[in-house]
Protein backbone atom coordinates (compact mmCIF):
# COMPACT_ATOMS: atom_id res chain seq x y z
CA UNK A 1 149.37 92.09 -18.53
CA UNK A 2 147.41 89.83 -16.18
CA UNK A 3 149.24 89.17 -12.94
CA UNK A 4 149.30 85.58 -11.67
CA UNK A 5 148.49 84.53 -8.14
CA UNK A 6 151.38 84.37 -5.70
CA UNK A 7 152.03 80.92 -4.24
CA UNK A 8 152.94 80.47 -0.60
CA UNK A 9 153.70 77.32 1.36
CA UNK A 10 152.47 77.44 4.96
CA UNK A 11 153.94 75.20 7.65
CA UNK A 12 151.02 73.99 9.75
CA UNK A 13 149.29 70.87 11.02
CA UNK A 14 146.73 69.14 8.87
CA UNK A 15 144.16 69.75 11.60
CA UNK A 16 144.64 73.53 11.23
CA UNK A 17 144.18 73.69 7.45
CA UNK A 18 140.37 73.79 7.60
CA UNK A 19 140.41 76.63 10.14
CA UNK A 20 142.97 78.63 8.15
CA UNK A 21 140.94 78.06 4.98
CA UNK A 22 137.77 79.30 6.70
CA UNK A 23 139.48 82.47 7.93
CA UNK A 24 141.05 83.24 4.54
CA UNK A 25 137.75 82.55 2.77
CA UNK A 26 136.13 85.29 4.85
CA UNK A 27 138.36 87.79 3.04
CA UNK A 28 136.70 87.88 -0.36
CA UNK A 29 139.19 87.07 -3.08
CA UNK A 30 142.30 87.01 -0.89
CA UNK A 31 143.39 83.40 -1.06
CA UNK A 32 142.70 79.83 -2.03
CA UNK A 33 144.03 77.20 0.37
CA UNK A 34 144.85 73.85 -1.21
CA UNK A 35 145.22 70.49 0.43
CA UNK A 36 148.36 70.01 -1.67
CA UNK A 37 151.29 69.63 0.66
CA UNK A 38 154.94 68.73 0.78
CA UNK A 39 157.14 67.62 3.63
CA UNK A 40 160.49 69.30 4.14
CA UNK A 41 162.78 68.76 7.11
CA UNK A 42 159.96 67.08 9.00
CA UNK A 43 157.54 69.98 8.49
CA UNK A 44 154.29 69.79 6.51
CA UNK A 45 153.75 72.75 4.17
CA UNK A 46 150.35 73.42 2.57
CA UNK A 47 149.97 75.35 -0.68
CA UNK A 48 148.11 78.67 -0.64
CA UNK A 49 147.37 80.80 -3.71
CA UNK A 50 147.23 84.53 -2.91
CA UNK A 51 145.50 87.00 -5.19
CA UNK A 52 147.69 89.64 -6.83
CA UNK A 53 148.01 92.66 -4.56
CA UNK A 54 146.98 90.75 -1.41
CA UNK A 55 150.41 89.53 -0.31
CA UNK A 56 150.90 92.07 2.49
CA UNK A 57 147.39 91.46 3.85
CA UNK A 58 147.98 87.70 3.79
CA UNK A 59 151.26 87.99 5.69
CA UNK A 60 149.64 90.28 8.26
CA UNK A 61 146.77 87.84 8.70
CA UNK A 62 149.12 84.86 9.22
CA UNK A 63 150.93 86.89 11.88
CA UNK A 64 147.62 87.63 13.64
CA UNK A 65 146.58 83.98 13.43
CA UNK A 66 149.88 82.95 15.07
CA UNK A 67 149.27 85.45 17.88
CA UNK A 68 145.80 83.97 18.45
CA UNK A 69 147.22 80.47 18.90
CA UNK A 70 146.79 79.00 15.43
CA UNK A 71 149.64 76.64 14.64
CA UNK A 72 151.49 78.35 11.79
CA UNK A 73 155.23 78.00 11.38
CA UNK A 74 157.16 79.19 8.36
CA UNK A 75 155.33 81.01 5.57
CA UNK A 76 157.43 80.69 2.42
CA UNK A 77 156.83 82.41 -0.90
CA UNK A 78 157.38 80.12 -3.87
CA UNK A 79 160.04 81.50 -6.15
CA UNK A 80 159.05 81.44 -9.80
CA UNK A 81 161.74 80.89 -12.38
CA UNK A 82 161.35 83.54 -15.10
CA UNK A 83 162.29 80.98 -17.78
CA UNK A 84 159.42 78.70 -16.74
CA UNK A 85 156.97 81.62 -16.86
CA UNK A 86 157.87 82.30 -20.48
CA UNK A 87 157.32 78.69 -21.54
């Protein structure tokens, strides 16, 4: 069975999205950063699709980006409802 991409929402500033996208794009096939966003509790979260099997690498990379001064707050995995997957 084909595994779907994992969706994460990354708390960052709009000005950082292009930089984060450029870094993730350097890792062939790891992720696809979208400009889709949502605001929750005053924070802006941008949508990132992560390739199956690349979740750990993505989380490690976001940690390294934080350490280098990139503005990244919460990194939240979108929870998929099993009922909606079957539809």
